[in-house]
């Protein structure tokens, strides 16, 4: 529920309203706070650096780079959530300044 129109379903919005489900106000342009999105970005960066030239190679490199991601990295993404959330709130949904 990021309020981006292309991610908004009228049917779901109506159901949430009808069932009195409270949703957080969320600016549509806020940086993504989902840890898996940050993990995907890291994977893409490493795969892109290896410059795959075909689909088979892309698949192989994705598997290799995925296997290299240490579980502690995933833990750090989750642990840093509160800090990123606070920054997004502070910057009113605009990009976080690193």
PDB file of N, CA and C in Angstrom:
ATOM      1  N   UNK A   1       0.842  -1.179   0.000  1.00  0.00           N
ATOM      2  CA  UNK A   1       0.000   0.000   0.000  1.00  0.00           C
ATOM      3  C   UNK A   1       0.889   1.244   0.000  1.00  0.00           C
ATOM      4  N   UNK A   2       1.472   1.540  -1.162  1.00  0.00           N
ATOM      5  CA  UNK A   2       2.360   2.700  -1.223  1.00  0.00           C
ATOM      6  C   UNK A   2       1.711   3.918  -1.870  1.00  0.00           C
ATOM      7  N   UNK A   3       0.414   3.845  -2.120  1.00  0.00           N
ATOM      8  CA  UNK A   3      -0.352   4.942  -2.700  1.00  0.00           C
ATOM      9  C   UNK A   3       0.047   5.297  -4.122  1.00  0.00           C
ATOM     10  N   UNK A   4       0.882   4.508  -4.739  1.00  0.00           N
ATOM     11  CA  UNK A   4       1.193   4.710  -6.145  1.00  0.00           C
ATOM     12  C   UNK A   4      -0.013   4.200  -6.927  1.00  0.00           C
ATOM     13  N   UNK A   5      -0.606   5.029  -7.798  1.00  0.00           N
ATOM     14  CA  UNK A   5      -1.832   4.619  -8.490  1.00  0.00           C
ATOM     15  C   UNK A   5      -1.732   3.271  -9.207  1.00  0.00           C
ATOM     16  N   UNK A   6      -0.573   2.958  -9.769  1.00  0.00           N
ATOM     17  CA  UNK A   6      -0.466   1.681 -10.482  1.00  0.00           C
ATOM     18  C   UNK A   6      -0.419   0.495  -9.514  1.00  0.00           C
ATOM     19  N   UNK A   7      -0.228   0.766  -8.218  1.00  0.00           N
ATOM     20  CA  UNK A   7      -0.219  -0.291  -7.207  1.00  0.00           C
ATOM     21  C   UNK A   7      -1.496  -0.298  -6.373  1.00  0.00           C
ATOM     22  N   UNK A   8      -2.491   0.460  -6.790  1.00  0.00           N
ATOM     23  CA  UNK A   8      -3.704   0.611  -6.002  1.00  0.00           C
ATOM     24  C   UNK A   8      -4.874  -0.065  -6.705  1.00  0.00           C
ATOM     25  N   UNK A   9      -5.522  -0.956  -6.001  1.00  0.00           N
ATOM     26  CA  UNK A   9      -6.684  -1.649  -6.528  1.00  0.00           C
ATOM     27  C   UNK A   9      -7.932  -1.070  -5.876  1.00  0.00           C
ATOM     28  N   UNK A  10      -8.897  -0.651  -6.687  1.00  0.00           N
ATOM     29  CA  UNK A  10     -10.137  -0.098  -6.142  1.00  0.00           C
ATOM     30  C   UNK A  10     -10.892  -1.147  -5.346  1.00  0.00           C
ATOM     31  N   UNK A  11     -10.831  -2.386  -5.790  1.00  0.00           N
ATOM     32  CA  UNK A  11     -11.523  -3.469  -5.087  1.00  0.00           C
ATOM     33  C   UNK A  11     -10.918  -3.649  -3.691  1.00  0.00           C
ATOM     34  N   UNK A  12      -9.592  -3.658  -3.619  1.00  0.00           N
ATOM     35  CA  UNK A  12      -8.926  -3.829  -2.327  1.00  0.00           C
ATOM     36  C   UNK A  12      -9.190  -2.617  -1.437  1.00  0.00           C
ATOM     37  N   UNK A  13      -9.083  -1.419  -1.999  1.00  0.00           N
ATOM     38  CA  UNK A  13      -9.340  -0.207  -1.215  1.00  0.00           C
ATOM     39  C   UNK A  13     -10.753  -0.224  -0.634  1.00  0.00           C
ATOM     40  N   UNK A  14     -11.719  -0.643  -1.432  1.00  0.00           N
ATOM     41  CA  UNK A  14     -13.105  -0.728  -0.951  1.00  0.00           C
ATOM     42  C   UNK A  14     -13.225  -1.768   0.158  1.00  0.00           C
ATOM     43  N   UNK A  15     -12.588  -2.923  -0.028  1.00  0.00           N
ATOM     44  CA  UNK A  15     -12.648  -3.972   0.995  1.00  0.00           C
ATOM     45  C   UNK A  15     -12.056  -3.482   2.310  1.00  0.00           C
ATOM     46  N   UNK A  16     -10.893  -2.817   2.232  1.00  0.00           N
ATOM     47  CA  UNK A  16     -10.254  -2.285   3.441  1.00  0.00           C
ATOM     48  C   UNK A  16     -11.175  -1.299   4.145  1.00  0.00           C
ATOM     49  N   UNK A  17     -11.805  -0.422   3.368  1.00  0.00           N
ATOM     50  CA  UNK A  17     -12.709   0.567   3.947  1.00  0.00           C
ATOM     51  C   UNK A  17     -13.933  -0.115   4.556  1.00  0.00           C
ATOM     52  N   UNK A  18     -14.539  -1.019   3.813  1.00  0.00           N
ATOM     53  CA  UNK A  18     -15.737  -1.725   4.292  1.00  0.00           C
ATOM     54  C   UNK A  18     -15.468  -2.533   5.562  1.00  0.00           C
ATOM     55  N   UNK A  19     -14.254  -3.035   5.680  1.00  0.00           N
ATOM     56  CA  UNK A  19     -13.899  -3.858   6.837  1.00  0.00           C
ATOM     57  C   UNK A  19     -13.159  -3.076   7.913  1.00  0.00           C
ATOM     58  N   UNK A  20     -13.173  -1.749   7.745  1.00  0.00           N
ATOM     59  CA  UNK A  20     -12.586  -0.835   8.727  1.00  0.00           C
ATOM     60  C   UNK A  20     -11.132  -1.185   9.087  1.00  0.00           C
ATOM     61  N   UNK A  21     -10.357  -1.527   8.045  1.00  0.00           N
ATOM     62  CA  UNK A  21      -8.940  -1.811   8.228  1.00  0.00           C
ATOM     63  C   UNK A  21      -8.180  -0.493   8.117  1.00  0.00           C
ATOM     64  N   UNK A  22      -7.472  -0.153   9.170  1.00  0.00           N
ATOM     65  CA  UNK A  22      -6.712   1.090   9.174  1.00  0.00           C
ATOM     66  C   UNK A  22      -5.377   0.867   8.455  1.00  0.00           C
ATOM     67  N   UNK A  23      -5.077   1.721   7.503  1.00  0.00           N
ATOM     68  CA  UNK A  23      -3.806   1.640   6.789  1.00  0.00           C
ATOM     69  C   UNK A  23      -3.016   2.915   7.035  1.00  0.00           C
ATOM     70  N   UNK A  24      -1.710   2.774   7.038  1.00  0.00           N
ATOM     71  CA  UNK A  24      -0.841   3.931   7.252  1.00  0.00           C
ATOM     72  C   UNK A  24      -0.873   4.843   6.028  1.00  0.00           C
ATOM     73  N   UNK A  25      -0.821   6.131   6.269  1.00  0.00           N
ATOM     74  CA  UNK A  25      -0.636   7.071   5.168  1.00  0.00           C
ATOM     75  C   UNK A  25       0.801   6.894   4.706  1.00  0.00           C
ATOM     76  N   UNK A  26       0.973   6.807   3.407  1.00  0.00           N
ATOM     77  CA  UNK A  26       2.300   6.509   2.889  1.00  0.00           C
ATOM     78  C   UNK A  26       2.522   7.294   1.618  1.00  0.00           C
ATOM     79  N   UNK A  27       3.507   8.174   1.578  1.00  0.00           N
ATOM     80  CA  UNK A  27       3.741   8.945   0.360  1.00  0.00           C
ATOM     81  C   UNK A  27       4.180   8.030  -0.777  1.00  0.00           C
ATOM     82  N   UNK A  28       3.622   8.235  -1.968  1.00  0.00           N
ATOM     83  CA  UNK A  28       3.909   7.348  -3.091  1.00  0.00           C
ATOM     84  C   UNK A  28       5.346   7.450  -3.583  1.00  0.00           C
ATOM     85  N   UNK A  29       6.021   8.509  -3.279  1.00  0.00           N
ATOM     86  CA  UNK A  29       7.393   8.666  -3.750  1.00  0.00           C
ATOM     87  C   UNK A  29       8.436   8.337  -2.687  1.00  0.00           C
ATOM     88  N   UNK A  30       8.027   7.714  -1.596  1.00  0.00           N
ATOM     89  CA  UNK A  30       8.989   7.422  -0.530  1.00  0.00           C
ATOM     90  C   UNK A  30       9.957   6.330  -0.961  1.00  0.00           C
ATOM     91  N   UNK A  31      11.174   6.349  -0.448  1.00  0.00           N
ATOM     92  CA  UNK A  31      12.109   5.268  -0.734  1.00  0.00           C
ATOM     93  C   UNK A  31      11.514   3.948  -0.239  1.00  0.00           C
ATOM     94  N   UNK A  32      11.837   2.889  -0.925  1.00  0.00           N
ATOM     95  CA  UNK A  32      11.270   1.602  -0.555  1.00  0.00           C
ATOM     96  C   UNK A  32      11.896   1.121   0.745  1.00  0.00           C
ATOM     97  N   UNK A  33      11.055   0.791   1.706  1.00  0.00           N
ATOM     98  CA  UNK A  33      11.529   0.341   3.008  1.00  0.00           C
ATOM     99  C   UNK A  33      11.479  -1.173   3.157  1.00  0.00           C
ATOM    100  N   UNK A  34      11.137  -1.872   2.107  1.00  0.00           N
ATOM    101  CA  UNK A  34      11.047  -3.313   2.166  1.00  0.00           C
ATOM    102  C   UNK A  34      12.450  -3.903   2.064  1.00  0.00           C
ATOM    103  N   UNK A  35      12.921  -4.601   3.102  1.00  0.00           N
ATOM    104  CA  UNK A  35      14.293  -5.129   3.069  1.00  0.00           C
ATOM    105  C   UNK A  35      14.582  -6.012   1.861  1.00  0.00           C
ATOM    106  N   UNK A  36      13.608  -6.763   1.372  1.00  0.00           N
ATOM    107  CA  UNK A  36      13.872  -7.631   0.225  1.00  0.00           C
ATOM    108  C   UNK A  36      14.187  -6.811  -1.017  1.00  0.00           C
ATOM    109  N   UNK A  37      13.607  -5.612  -1.137  1.00  0.00           N
ATOM    110  CA  UNK A  37      13.918  -4.762  -2.288  1.00  0.00           C
ATOM    111  C   UNK A  37      15.377  -4.325  -2.241  1.00  0.00           C
ATOM    112  N   UNK A  38      15.865  -4.049  -1.047  1.00  0.00           N
ATOM    113  CA  UNK A  38      17.275  -3.673  -0.904  1.00  0.00           C
ATOM    114  C   UNK A  38      18.180  -4.866  -1.223  1.00  0.00           C
ATOM    115  N   UNK A  39      17.738  -6.050  -0.845  1.00  0.00           N
ATOM    116  CA  UNK A  39      18.495  -7.259  -1.151  1.00  0.00           C
ATOM    117  C   UNK A  39      18.537  -7.509  -2.654  1.00  0.00           C
ATOM    118  N   UNK A  40      17.384  -7.328  -3.333  1.00  0.00           N
ATOM    119  CA  UNK A  40      17.358  -7.488  -4.788  1.00  0.00           C
ATOM    120  C   UNK A  40      18.306  -6.486  -5.447  1.00  0.00           C
ATOM    121  N   UNK A  41      18.336  -5.271  -4.957  1.00  0.00           N
ATOM    122  CA  UNK A  41      19.218  -4.247  -5.539  1.00  0.00           C
ATOM    123  C   UNK A  41      20.682  -4.664  -5.403  1.00  0.00           C
ATOM    124  N   UNK A  42      21.025  -5.223  -4.264  1.00  0.00           N
ATOM    125  CA  UNK A  42      22.399  -5.690  -4.040  1.00  0.00           C
ATOM    126  C   UNK A  42      22.730  -6.828  -5.010  1.00  0.00           C
ATOM    127  N   UNK A  43      21.816  -7.758  -5.164  1.00  0.00           N
ATOM    128  CA  UNK A  43      22.026  -8.870  -6.097  1.00  0.00           C
ATOM    129  C   UNK A  43      22.200  -8.341  -7.519  1.00  0.00           C
ATOM    130  N   UNK A  44      21.323  -7.432  -7.930  1.00  0.00           N
ATOM    131  CA  UNK A  44      21.419  -6.863  -9.284  1.00  0.00           C
ATOM    132  C   UNK A  44      22.770  -6.194  -9.513  1.00  0.00           C
ATOM    133  N   UNK A  45      23.242  -5.457  -8.513  1.00  0.00           N
ATOM    134  CA  UNK A  45      24.520  -4.744  -8.637  1.00  0.00           C
ATOM    135  C   UNK A  45      25.653  -5.736  -8.912  1.00  0.00           C
ATOM    136  N   UNK A  46      25.675  -6.839  -8.159  1.00  0.00           N
ATOM    137  CA  UNK A  46      26.750  -7.815  -8.319  1.00  0.00           C
ATOM    138  C   UNK A  46      26.638  -8.579  -9.639  1.00  0.00           C
ATOM    139  N   UNK A  47      25.431  -8.913 -10.036  1.00  0.00           N
ATOM    140  CA  UNK A  47      25.239  -9.622 -11.308  1.00  0.00           C
ATOM    141  C   UNK A  47      25.601  -8.704 -12.469  1.00  0.00           C
ATOM    142  N   UNK A  48      25.130  -7.466 -12.412  1.00  0.00           N
ATOM    143  CA  UNK A  48      25.410  -6.504 -13.484  1.00  0.00           C
ATOM    144  C   UNK A  48      26.917  -6.294 -13.652  1.00  0.00           C
ATOM    145  N   UNK A  49      27.651  -6.276 -12.545  1.00  0.00           N
ATOM    146  CA  UNK A  49      29.101  -6.069 -12.599  1.00  0.00           C
ATOM    147  C   UNK A  49      29.802  -7.206 -13.344  1.00  0.00           C
ATOM    148  N   UNK A  50      29.198  -8.371 -13.368  1.00  0.00           N
ATOM    149  CA  UNK A  50      29.793  -9.525 -14.054  1.00  0.00           C
ATOM    150  C   UNK A  50      29.380  -9.598 -15.523  1.00  0.00           C
ATOM    151  N   UNK A  51      28.507  -8.720 -15.956  1.00  0.00           N
ATOM    152  CA  UNK A  51      28.120  -8.538 -17.361  1.00  0.00           C
ATOM    153  C   UNK A  51      27.692  -9.827 -18.078  1.00  0.00           C
ATOM    154  N   UNK A  52      26.578 -10.408 -17.669  1.00  0.00           N
ATOM    155  CA  UNK A  52      26.108 -11.595 -18.382  1.00  0.00           C
ATOM    156  C   UNK A  52      25.743 -11.240 -19.827  1.00  0.00           C
ATOM    157  N   UNK A  53      25.955 -12.187 -20.733  1.00  0.00           N
ATOM    158  CA  UNK A  53      25.711 -11.917 -22.157  1.00  0.00           C
ATOM    159  C   UNK A  53      24.532 -12.696 -22.729  1.00  0.00           C
ATOM    160  N   UNK A  54      23.983 -13.616 -21.954  1.00  0.00           N
ATOM    161  CA  UNK A  54      22.815 -14.359 -22.424  1.00  0.00           C
ATOM    162  C   UNK A  54      21.992 -14.825 -21.226  1.00  0.00           C
ATOM    163  N   UNK A  55      20.836 -15.346 -21.491  1.00  0.00           N
ATOM    164  CA  UNK A  55      19.916 -15.731 -20.423  1.00  0.00           C
ATOM    165  C   UNK A  55      20.480 -16.854 -19.555  1.00  0.00           C
ATOM    166  N   UNK A  56      21.146 -17.807 -20.171  1.00  0.00           N
ATOM    167  CA  UNK A  56      21.731 -18.917 -19.403  1.00  0.00           C
ATOM    168  C   UNK A  56      22.787 -18.395 -18.443  1.00  0.00           C
ATOM    169  N   UNK A  57      23.635 -17.525 -18.930  1.00  0.00           N
ATOM    170  CA  UNK A  57      24.683 -16.951 -18.087  1.00  0.00           C
ATOM    171  C   UNK A  57      24.065 -16.082 -16.986  1.00  0.00           C
ATOM    172  N   UNK A  58      23.035 -15.330 -17.322  1.00  0.00           N
ATOM    173  CA  UNK A  58      22.349 -14.511 -16.324  1.00  0.00           C
ATOM    174  C   UNK A  58      21.817 -15.395 -15.195  1.00  0.00           C
ATOM    175  N   UNK A  59      21.182 -16.475 -15.548  1.00  0.00           N
ATOM    176  CA  UNK A  59      20.639 -17.401 -14.554  1.00  0.00           C
ATOM    177  C   UNK A  59      21.761 -17.949 -13.657  1.00  0.00           C
ATOM    178  N   UNK A  60      22.850 -18.375 -14.266  1.00  0.00           N
ATOM    179  CA  UNK A  60      23.978 -18.928 -13.507  1.00  0.00           C
ATOM    180  C   UNK A  60      24.587 -17.880 -12.572  1.00  0.00           C
ATOM    181  N   UNK A  61      24.791 -16.667 -13.085  1.00  0.00           N
ATOM    182  CA  UNK A  61      25.391 -15.615 -12.263  1.00  0.00           C
ATOM    183  C   UNK A  61      24.472 -15.210 -11.113  1.00  0.00           C
ATOM    184  N   UNK A  62      23.170 -15.190 -11.354  1.00  0.00           N
ATOM    185  CA  UNK A  62      22.225 -14.879 -10.280  1.00  0.00           C
ATOM    186  C   UNK A  62      22.343 -15.906  -9.161  1.00  0.00           C
ATOM    187  N   UNK A  63      22.420 -17.167  -9.527  1.00  0.00           N
ATOM    188  CA  UNK A  63      22.544 -18.219  -8.517  1.00  0.00           C
ATOM    189  C   UNK A  63      23.860 -18.095  -7.758  1.00  0.00           C
ATOM    190  N   UNK A  64      24.936 -17.828  -8.469  1.00  0.00           N
ATOM    191  CA  UNK A  64      26.243 -17.696  -7.828  1.00  0.00           C
ATOM    192  C   UNK A  64      26.275 -16.507  -6.874  1.00  0.00           C
ATOM    193  N   UNK A  65      25.797 -15.370  -7.345  1.00  0.00           N
ATOM    194  CA  UNK A  65      25.830 -14.165  -6.505  1.00  0.00           C
ATOM    195  C   UNK A  65      24.873 -14.290  -5.321  1.00  0.00           C
ATOM    196  N   UNK A  66      23.720 -14.935  -5.527  1.00  0.00           N
ATOM    197  CA  UNK A  66      22.777 -15.149  -4.424  1.00  0.00           C
ATOM    198  C   UNK A  66      23.438 -15.977  -3.325  1.00  0.00           C
ATOM    199  N   UNK A  67      24.168 -17.001  -3.732  1.00  0.00           N
ATOM    200  CA  UNK A  67      24.827 -17.883  -2.761  1.00  0.00           C
ATOM    201  C   UNK A  67      25.900 -17.149  -1.960  1.00  0.00           C
ATOM    202  N   UNK A  68      26.434 -16.077  -2.509  1.00  0.00           N
ATOM    203  CA  UNK A  68      27.486 -15.312  -1.829  1.00  0.00           C
ATOM    204  C   UNK A  68      26.938 -14.345  -0.778  1.00  0.00           C
ATOM    205  N   UNK A  69      25.647 -14.067  -0.826  1.00  0.00           N
ATOM    206  CA  UNK A  69      25.074 -13.104   0.124  1.00  0.00           C
ATOM    207  C   UNK A  69      25.025 -13.757   1.501  1.00  0.00           C
ATOM    208  N   UNK A  70      25.709 -13.164   2.434  1.00  0.00           N
ATOM    209  CA  UNK A  70      25.805 -13.720   3.781  1.00  0.00           C
ATOM    210  C   UNK A  70      24.539 -13.396   4.585  1.00  0.00           C
ATOM    211  N   UNK A  71      24.064 -14.334   5.368  1.00  0.00           N
ATOM    212  CA  UNK A  71      22.859 -14.087   6.182  1.00  0.00           C
ATOM    213  C   UNK A  71      22.961 -12.848   7.081  1.00  0.00           C
ATOM    214  N   UNK A  72      24.167 -12.493   7.504  1.00  0.00           N
ATOM    215  CA  UNK A  72      24.293 -11.304   8.348  1.00  0.00           C
ATOM    216  C   UNK A  72      23.912 -10.034   7.583  1.00  0.00           C
ATOM    217  N   UNK A  73      24.138 -10.036   6.256  1.00  0.00           N
ATOM    218  CA  UNK A  73      23.729  -8.882   5.450  1.00  0.00           C
ATOM    219  C   UNK A  73      22.217  -8.718   5.514  1.00  0.00           C
ATOM    220  N   UNK A  74      21.502  -9.841   5.402  1.00  0.00           N
ATOM    221  CA  UNK A  74      20.038  -9.805   5.487  1.00  0.00           C
ATOM    222  C   UNK A  74      19.604  -9.282   6.854  1.00  0.00           C
ATOM    223  N   UNK A  75      20.275  -9.745   7.895  1.00  0.00           N
ATOM    224  CA  UNK A  75      19.964  -9.286   9.249  1.00  0.00           C
ATOM    225  C   UNK A  75      20.176  -7.796   9.412  1.00  0.00           C
ATOM    226  N   UNK A  76      21.238  -7.281   8.803  1.00  0.00           N
ATOM    227  CA  UNK A  76      21.511  -5.844   8.889  1.00  0.00           C
ATOM    228  C   UNK A  76      20.427  -5.034   8.194  1.00  0.00           C
ATOM    229  N   UNK A  77      19.903  -5.552   7.084  1.00  0.00           N
ATOM    230  CA  UNK A  77      18.823  -4.843   6.389  1.00  0.00           C
ATOM    231  C   UNK A  77      17.599  -4.729   7.301  1.00  0.00           C
ATOM    232  N   UNK A  78      17.289  -5.795   7.994  1.00  0.00           N
ATOM    233  CA  UNK A  78      16.132  -5.789   8.889  1.00  0.00           C
ATOM    234  C   UNK A  78      16.408  -4.902  10.102  1.00  0.00           C
ATOM    235  N   UNK A  79      17.608  -5.013  10.663  1.00  0.00           N
ATOM    236  CA  UNK A  79      17.955  -4.202  11.836  1.00  0.00           C
ATOM    237  C   UNK A  79      17.934  -2.707  11.525  1.00  0.00           C
ATOM    238  N   UNK A  80      18.252  -2.338  10.295  1.00  0.00           N
ATOM    239  CA  UNK A  80      18.299  -0.923   9.917  1.00  0.00           C
ATOM    240  C   UNK A  80      16.950  -0.340   9.548  1.00  0.00           C
ATOM    241  N   UNK A  81      15.913  -1.164   9.618  1.00  0.00           N
ATOM    242  CA  UNK A  81      14.590  -0.709   9.192  1.00  0.00           C
ATOM    243  C   UNK A  81      14.101   0.497   9.983  1.00  0.00           C
ATOM    244  N   UNK A  82      14.194   0.432  11.300  1.00  0.00           N
ATOM    245  CA  UNK A  82      13.680   1.525  12.136  1.00  0.00           C
ATOM    246  C   UNK A  82      14.380   2.838  11.788  1.00  0.00           C
ATOM    247  N   UNK A  83      15.682   2.785  11.580  1.00  0.00           N
ATOM    248  CA  UNK A  83      16.422   3.996  11.218  1.00  0.00           C
ATOM    249  C   UNK A  83      15.934   4.549   9.878  1.00  0.00           C
ATOM    250  N   UNK A  84      15.774   3.664   8.875  1.00  0.00           N
ATOM    251  CA  UNK A  84      15.301   4.126   7.566  1.00  0.00           C
ATOM    252  C   UNK A  84      13.880   4.667   7.659  1.00  0.00           C
ATOM    253  N   UNK A  85      13.033   4.000   8.446  1.00  0.00           N
ATOM    254  CA  UNK A  85      11.660   4.463   8.605  1.00  0.00           C
ATOM    255  C   UNK A  85      11.645   5.861   9.224  1.00  0.00           C
ATOM    256  N   UNK A  86      12.456   6.062  10.237  1.00  0.00           N
ATOM    257  CA  UNK A  86      12.536   7.367  10.899  1.00  0.00           C
ATOM    258  C   UNK A  86      13.015   8.432   9.917  1.00  0.00           C
ATOM    259  N   UNK A  87      13.981   8.077   9.070  1.00  0.00           N
ATOM    260  CA  UNK A  87      14.489   9.035   8.085  1.00  0.00           C
ATOM    261  C   UNK A  87      13.423   9.378   7.041  1.00  0.00           C
ATOM    262  N   UNK A  88      12.697   8.375   6.583  1.00  0.00           N
ATOM    263  CA  UNK A  88      11.627   8.625   5.609  1.00  0.00           C
ATOM    264  C   UNK A  88      10.593   9.570   6.214  1.00  0.00           C
ATOM    265  N   UNK A  89      10.254   9.315   7.459  1.00  0.00           N
ATOM    266  CA  UNK A  89       9.283  10.175   8.149  1.00  0.00           C
ATOM    267  C   UNK A  89       9.836  11.593   8.278  1.00  0.00           C
ATOM    268  N   UNK A  90      11.110  11.706   8.664  1.00  0.00           N
ATOM    269  CA  UNK A  90      11.752  13.018   8.832  1.00  0.00           C
ATOM    270  C   UNK A  90      11.765  13.796   7.519  1.00  0.00           C
ATOM    271  N   UNK A  91      12.014  13.105   6.400  1.00  0.00           N
ATOM    272  CA  UNK A  91      12.080  13.770   5.105  1.00  0.00           C
ATOM    273  C   UNK A  91      10.741  13.757   4.381  1.00  0.00           C
ATOM    274  N   UNK A  92       9.682  13.444   5.130  1.00  0.00           N
ATOM    275  CA  UNK A  92       8.307  13.486   4.619  1.00  0.00           C
ATOM    276  C   UNK A  92       8.137  12.688   3.319  1.00  0.00           C
ATOM    277  N   UNK A  93       8.779  11.522   3.282  1.00  0.00           N
ATOM    278  CA  UNK A  93       8.630  10.631   2.142  1.00  0.00           C
ATOM    279  C   UNK A  93       9.598  10.865   1.014  1.00  0.00           C
ATOM    280  N   UNK A  94      10.401  11.909   1.093  1.00  0.00           N
ATOM    281  CA  UNK A  94      11.377  12.166   0.046  1.00  0.00           C
ATOM    282  C   UNK A  94      12.588  11.252   0.234  1.00  0.00           C
ATOM    283  N   UNK A  95      13.478  11.253  -0.718  1.00  0.00           N
ATOM    284  CA  UNK A  95      14.652  10.378  -0.680  1.00  0.00           C
ATOM    285  C   UNK A  95      15.456  10.604   0.599  1.00  0.00           C
ATOM    286  N   UNK A  96      15.925   9.503   1.144  1.00  0.00           N
ATOM    287  CA  UNK A  96      16.782   9.562   2.335  1.00  0.00           C
ATOM    288  C   UNK A  96      18.160  10.038   1.897  1.00  0.00           C
ATOM    289  N   UNK A  97      18.730  10.930   2.678  1.00  0.00           N
ATOM    290  CA  UNK A  97      20.060  11.445   2.368  1.00  0.00           C
ATOM    291  C   UNK A  97      21.086  10.602   3.108  1.00  0.00           C
ATOM    292  N   UNK A  98      21.915   9.889   2.352  1.00  0.00           N
ATOM    293  CA  UNK A  98      22.935   9.023   2.954  1.00  0.00           C
ATOM    294  C   UNK A  98      24.225   9.740   3.135  1.00  0.00           C
TER     295      UNK A  98
END
